[in-house]
N, C-alpha and C. Protein backbone atom coordinates (compact mmCIF):
# COMPACT_ATOMS: atom_id res chain seq x y z
N MET A 1 120.98 -104.34 3.32
CA MET A 1 121.76 -104.96 4.23
C MET A 1 121.22 -104.93 5.88
N THR A 2 120.28 -106.43 6.47
CA THR A 2 120.62 -105.47 8.45
C THR A 2 120.81 -106.91 8.54
N TYR A 3 121.38 -106.36 10.06
CA TYR A 3 121.65 -107.04 10.76
C TYR A 3 121.20 -107.34 12.37
N THR A 4 121.36 -108.48 13.12
CA THR A 4 120.42 -109.30 13.99
C THR A 4 121.74 -109.02 14.99
N ILE A 5 120.74 -108.01 16.21
CA ILE A 5 121.39 -108.10 17.52
C ILE A 5 120.90 -108.26 18.33
N VAL A 6 121.48 -109.33 19.11
CA VAL A 6 120.31 -109.88 20.05
C VAL A 6 121.03 -109.71 21.41
N PRO A 7 120.21 -109.79 22.58
CA PRO A 7 120.93 -108.97 23.70
C PRO A 7 121.48 -110.49 24.33
N THR A 8 122.35 -109.50 25.38
CA THR A 8 123.39 -110.98 26.11
C THR A 8 122.75 -111.28 26.83
N ARG A 9 122.93 -112.31 27.61
CA ARG A 9 122.30 -113.00 29.22
C ARG A 9 121.77 -111.72 29.99
N SER A 10 122.56 -110.81 30.11
CA SER A 10 122.27 -109.79 31.09
C SER A 10 121.36 -108.94 30.55
N GLY A 11 120.85 -109.30 29.54
CA GLY A 11 119.72 -108.24 28.79
C GLY A 11 120.35 -107.36 28.02
N THR A 12 121.31 -107.01 27.82
CA THR A 12 121.92 -105.38 27.32
C THR A 12 122.08 -106.43 26.01
N THR A 13 122.75 -105.36 25.26
CA THR A 13 122.80 -105.11 23.78
C THR A 13 123.90 -105.85 23.77
N GLY A 14 124.40 -106.74 23.28
CA GLY A 14 126.23 -106.95 23.27
C GLY A 14 127.05 -107.45 21.90
N GLY A 15 126.34 -106.76 20.80
CA GLY A 15 126.80 -106.42 19.37
C GLY A 15 126.44 -108.38 18.77
N PHE A 16 125.83 -109.05 19.29
CA PHE A 16 126.04 -110.06 18.54
C PHE A 16 125.56 -110.34 17.31
N VAL A 17 125.97 -110.88 16.13
CA VAL A 17 125.46 -110.74 14.65
C VAL A 17 124.78 -112.56 14.43
N ASP A 18 124.50 -112.67 13.80
CA ASP A 18 123.88 -113.83 13.28
C ASP A 18 124.55 -114.91 11.98
N LEU A 19 124.62 -115.54 11.90
CA LEU A 19 125.56 -116.35 11.18
C LEU A 19 125.53 -115.54 9.31
N GLU A 20 124.58 -115.04 9.21
CA GLU A 20 124.33 -114.58 7.82
C GLU A 20 125.27 -113.53 7.75
N ALA A 21 125.00 -112.09 9.01
CA ALA A 21 125.76 -111.16 9.00
C ALA A 21 126.90 -111.12 9.17
N ALA A 22 127.05 -112.24 10.14
CA ALA A 22 129.02 -112.60 10.39
C ALA A 22 129.45 -113.26 9.12
N SER A 23 129.11 -113.71 7.72
CA SER A 23 129.50 -113.97 6.77
C SER A 23 129.39 -112.92 5.98
N GLU A 24 128.81 -111.89 5.96
CA GLU A 24 128.96 -110.35 5.29
C GLU A 24 130.13 -109.77 5.87
N LEU A 25 129.77 -109.62 6.89
CA LEU A 25 130.74 -109.16 7.91
C LEU A 25 132.59 -109.45 7.63
N SER A 26 132.69 -110.56 7.65
CA SER A 26 134.06 -111.09 7.44
C SER A 26 134.06 -111.55 5.68
N GLY A 27 133.37 -111.63 4.84
CA GLY A 27 133.70 -111.93 4.14
C GLY A 27 133.66 -113.68 3.80
N VAL A 28 133.31 -114.45 4.55
CA VAL A 28 133.37 -115.88 4.55
C VAL A 28 132.29 -116.33 4.39
N HIS A 29 131.73 -117.61 3.90
CA HIS A 29 130.79 -117.86 3.41
C HIS A 29 130.02 -119.20 4.76
N PRO A 30 128.90 -119.01 4.78
CA PRO A 30 128.24 -119.21 6.06
C PRO A 30 129.09 -120.45 6.33
N GLU A 31 128.73 -121.40 5.21
CA GLU A 31 129.09 -122.93 5.29
C GLU A 31 130.77 -123.28 5.82
N MET A 32 131.57 -122.33 5.55
CA MET A 32 132.74 -122.06 5.87
C MET A 32 132.98 -121.78 7.64
N ILE A 33 131.89 -120.71 7.73
CA ILE A 33 132.30 -120.14 9.27
C ILE A 33 131.62 -121.45 9.77
N LEU A 34 130.80 -122.37 9.37
CA LEU A 34 130.50 -123.58 10.29
C LEU A 34 131.45 -124.57 10.37
N GLU A 35 131.93 -124.64 9.57
CA GLU A 35 133.26 -125.65 9.60
C GLU A 35 133.89 -125.14 10.66
N PHE A 36 134.39 -124.12 10.56
CA PHE A 36 135.90 -123.17 11.51
C PHE A 36 135.12 -123.16 13.07
N THR A 37 133.83 -123.43 13.05
CA THR A 37 133.55 -123.61 14.19
C THR A 37 133.54 -124.82 14.60
N ARG A 38 133.32 -126.05 14.02
CA ARG A 38 133.17 -127.25 14.16
C ARG A 38 135.03 -127.89 14.21
N ALA A 39 135.59 -127.02 14.03
CA ALA A 39 137.60 -127.65 14.06
C ALA A 39 137.44 -126.42 14.92
N ARG A 40 136.73 -125.64 16.08
CA ARG A 40 137.31 -125.27 16.88
C ARG A 40 138.41 -123.52 16.11
N MET A 41 138.20 -123.35 15.39
CA MET A 41 139.11 -122.42 15.26
C MET A 41 138.69 -120.78 15.49
N VAL A 42 137.37 -121.13 15.61
CA VAL A 42 136.26 -119.67 15.60
C VAL A 42 135.39 -120.43 17.60
N THR A 43 135.22 -119.19 17.64
CA THR A 43 133.78 -119.99 18.99
C THR A 43 132.80 -118.87 18.15
N VAL A 44 132.22 -119.88 18.51
CA VAL A 44 130.45 -119.37 19.06
C VAL A 44 129.94 -118.51 20.08
N SER A 45 130.08 -117.26 19.68
CA SER A 45 129.75 -116.64 21.36
C SER A 45 128.22 -116.89 21.80
N TRP A 46 127.43 -116.93 21.20
CA TRP A 46 125.78 -117.59 21.84
C TRP A 46 125.28 -118.29 20.70
N GLN A 47 124.38 -119.25 21.69
CA GLN A 47 122.95 -119.79 21.08
C GLN A 47 121.95 -119.67 21.07
N ASP A 48 120.35 -119.20 20.21
CA ASP A 48 119.33 -119.27 20.92
C ASP A 48 118.96 -120.46 20.72
N ARG A 49 117.80 -121.04 21.38
CA ARG A 49 117.19 -122.70 21.40
C ARG A 49 117.25 -122.96 20.49
N SER A 50 117.01 -122.51 19.25
CA SER A 50 116.99 -123.32 18.24
C SER A 50 119.01 -123.82 18.25
N GLY A 51 119.77 -123.02 18.42
CA GLY A 51 121.14 -123.64 18.04
C GLY A 51 121.58 -123.04 17.42
N ASN A 52 120.71 -121.89 17.00
CA ASN A 52 121.73 -120.84 15.34
C ASN A 52 122.57 -120.55 16.20
N PRO A 53 123.50 -120.48 15.44
CA PRO A 53 124.63 -119.52 16.16
C PRO A 53 125.00 -117.95 16.05
N TYR A 54 125.44 -117.00 17.24
CA TYR A 54 125.39 -115.85 17.43
C TYR A 54 127.14 -115.20 17.38
N PHE A 55 127.60 -114.61 16.56
CA PHE A 55 129.20 -114.22 17.08
C PHE A 55 129.25 -112.71 17.04
N ASP A 56 130.69 -112.11 18.15
CA ASP A 56 130.61 -110.84 18.40
C ASP A 56 131.72 -111.34 18.06
N ASP A 57 132.01 -109.27 18.00
CA ASP A 57 133.68 -109.10 17.10
C ASP A 57 134.65 -109.73 17.20
N GLU A 58 135.25 -110.25 18.24
CA GLU A 58 136.12 -111.20 18.59
C GLU A 58 135.91 -112.55 17.55
N ALA A 59 135.16 -113.15 17.33
CA ALA A 59 135.07 -113.63 16.52
C ALA A 59 135.01 -113.48 14.88
N ILE A 60 134.16 -112.41 14.71
CA ILE A 60 134.31 -111.66 13.25
C ILE A 60 135.47 -111.40 12.83
N TYR A 61 136.45 -110.84 13.74
CA TYR A 61 138.16 -110.36 14.04
C TYR A 61 138.65 -111.96 13.00
N ARG A 62 138.29 -112.74 14.29
CA ARG A 62 139.34 -113.91 14.23
C ARG A 62 138.81 -114.49 12.69
N LEU A 63 137.89 -114.32 12.35
CA LEU A 63 137.06 -115.19 10.30
C LEU A 63 137.84 -114.22 9.96
N ARG A 64 138.51 -112.74 9.68
CA ARG A 64 138.68 -112.23 8.79
C ARG A 64 140.36 -112.57 8.82
N GLN A 65 140.87 -113.11 10.31
CA GLN A 65 142.41 -113.38 9.96
C GLN A 65 142.41 -114.62 9.08
N ILE A 66 141.60 -115.29 9.20
CA ILE A 66 141.63 -117.05 9.13
C ILE A 66 141.13 -116.78 7.63
N GLU A 67 140.36 -115.85 6.94
CA GLU A 67 140.24 -115.43 5.32
C GLU A 67 141.22 -114.72 4.42
N HIS A 68 142.19 -114.13 5.36
CA HIS A 68 143.24 -113.22 5.26
C HIS A 68 144.26 -114.45 5.13
N LEU A 69 145.07 -115.54 5.74
CA LEU A 69 145.72 -116.35 5.58
C LEU A 69 144.86 -117.14 4.55
N ARG A 70 144.30 -117.83 4.37
CA ARG A 70 143.70 -118.37 3.32
C ARG A 70 143.31 -117.48 1.98
N ASN A 71 143.42 -116.91 1.76
CA ASN A 71 143.27 -115.86 0.35
C ASN A 71 144.27 -115.46 -0.01
N GLN A 72 144.80 -113.99 0.45
CA GLN A 72 145.79 -113.59 0.89
C GLN A 72 146.95 -114.20 0.82
N GLU A 73 147.55 -114.86 1.93
CA GLU A 73 148.99 -115.74 2.05
C GLU A 73 149.00 -116.65 1.54
N ARG A 74 147.34 -117.51 0.58
CA ARG A 74 147.49 -118.69 -0.03
C ARG A 74 148.07 -119.84 1.04
N MET A 75 147.53 -119.98 2.52
CA MET A 75 147.86 -120.99 3.36
C MET A 75 147.15 -122.23 3.85
N GLN A 76 147.33 -123.34 3.53
CA GLN A 76 146.54 -124.42 3.67
C GLN A 76 145.70 -124.06 5.40
N MET A 77 144.68 -125.03 5.36
CA MET A 77 143.73 -125.06 6.87
C MET A 77 144.82 -125.23 8.01
N ARG A 78 145.94 -126.46 7.93
CA ARG A 78 146.66 -126.90 8.97
C ARG A 78 147.48 -125.68 9.36
N THR A 79 148.07 -124.93 8.17
CA THR A 79 148.95 -123.74 8.53
C THR A 79 148.31 -122.79 9.57
N VAL A 80 147.03 -122.37 8.83
CA VAL A 80 146.52 -121.19 9.35
C VAL A 80 146.15 -121.58 10.73
N ARG A 81 145.28 -122.99 10.89
CA ARG A 81 145.38 -123.39 12.69
C ARG A 81 146.57 -123.02 13.62
N LEU A 82 147.42 -123.62 12.68
CA LEU A 82 149.05 -123.45 13.48
C LEU A 82 149.31 -121.93 13.61
N ILE A 83 149.45 -121.02 12.78
CA ILE A 83 149.66 -119.76 12.69
C ILE A 83 148.19 -119.58 13.95
N LEU A 84 147.73 -119.43 13.82
CA LEU A 84 146.73 -119.22 15.36
C LEU A 84 146.40 -119.46 16.82
N GLU A 85 147.21 -120.72 16.16
CA GLU A 85 147.53 -121.05 18.11
C GLU A 85 149.09 -120.18 18.40
N LEU A 86 149.92 -119.98 17.76
CA LEU A 86 150.96 -118.93 17.66
C LEU A 86 150.59 -118.16 18.15
N MET A 87 149.26 -117.45 17.36
CA MET A 87 148.95 -115.87 17.69
C MET A 87 148.67 -115.99 19.26
N ASP A 88 147.63 -117.28 19.52
CA ASP A 88 146.99 -116.51 21.19
C ASP A 88 147.94 -116.75 21.84
N ARG A 89 148.90 -118.08 21.93
CA ARG A 89 150.05 -117.96 22.64
C ARG A 89 151.04 -116.72 22.73
N THR A 90 150.87 -116.34 21.79
CA THR A 90 152.01 -114.98 21.73
C THR A 90 151.06 -113.57 22.53
N GLU A 91 149.85 -113.65 22.11
CA GLU A 91 148.73 -112.56 23.06
C GLU A 91 148.68 -112.97 24.56
N THR A 92 148.63 -114.29 24.79
CA THR A 92 148.65 -114.57 26.44
C THR A 92 149.76 -114.51 27.06
N ALA A 93 151.06 -114.26 26.35
CA ALA A 93 152.26 -114.24 26.77
C ALA A 93 152.39 -112.94 27.40
N GLU A 94 152.26 -111.90 26.19
CA GLU A 94 152.35 -110.71 27.03
C GLU A 94 151.50 -110.28 27.63
N ARG A 95 150.18 -110.47 27.37
CA ARG A 95 149.10 -110.27 28.67
C ARG A 95 149.82 -110.34 29.84
N GLU A 96 150.67 -111.70 29.95
CA GLU A 96 150.70 -112.01 31.00
C GLU A 96 152.68 -110.97 31.64
N LEU A 97 152.87 -111.09 30.48
CA LEU A 97 153.88 -110.19 30.64
C LEU A 97 153.59 -108.32 31.15
N ARG A 98 152.94 -108.36 30.45
CA ARG A 98 152.23 -106.78 31.11
C ARG A 98 151.49 -106.89 32.23
N TRP A 99 151.15 -108.01 33.15
CA TRP A 99 150.45 -108.10 34.14
C TRP A 99 151.91 -108.39 34.98
N LEU A 100 152.50 -108.95 34.87
CA LEU A 100 153.91 -109.52 36.02
C LEU A 100 154.72 -107.56 35.84
N ARG A 101 155.20 -106.47 34.70
CA ARG A 101 156.06 -105.73 34.89
C ARG A 101 154.40 -104.59 35.66
N GLU A 102 153.51 -105.18 35.59
CA GLU A 102 152.65 -103.74 36.88
C GLU A 102 152.87 -104.53 38.18
N ARG A 103 153.14 -105.76 38.47
CA ARG A 103 153.14 -105.87 39.93
C ARG A 103 154.77 -105.42 40.11
N LEU A 104 155.19 -105.16 39.39
CA LEU A 104 156.84 -105.23 39.76
C LEU A 104 156.94 -103.47 39.91
N ARG A 105 155.73 -102.66 39.49
CA ARG A 105 155.95 -101.09 39.75
C ARG A 105 155.62 -100.72 41.03
């Protein structure tokens, strides 16, 4: 098992993996990953000049979340999308709350 790690725009290693490695790390078929990116459920972190997608840790984590909701919880894609949107909103609200609490100190 080999993974392709590519440099970030700044020239340092950013930990991006290619589609095949993302598939192995997340347990999601490459075609499904592409479908999730088209549906904007997962963000491509970087693309090379040929248009090949690369994914970071956050994208791999999101793919694992999707796979868990689909397979373990037996949710349909519409429900998965809704759950992910709610999770994102909750995370944003928590981040804002932490920021406001820090400002009050």
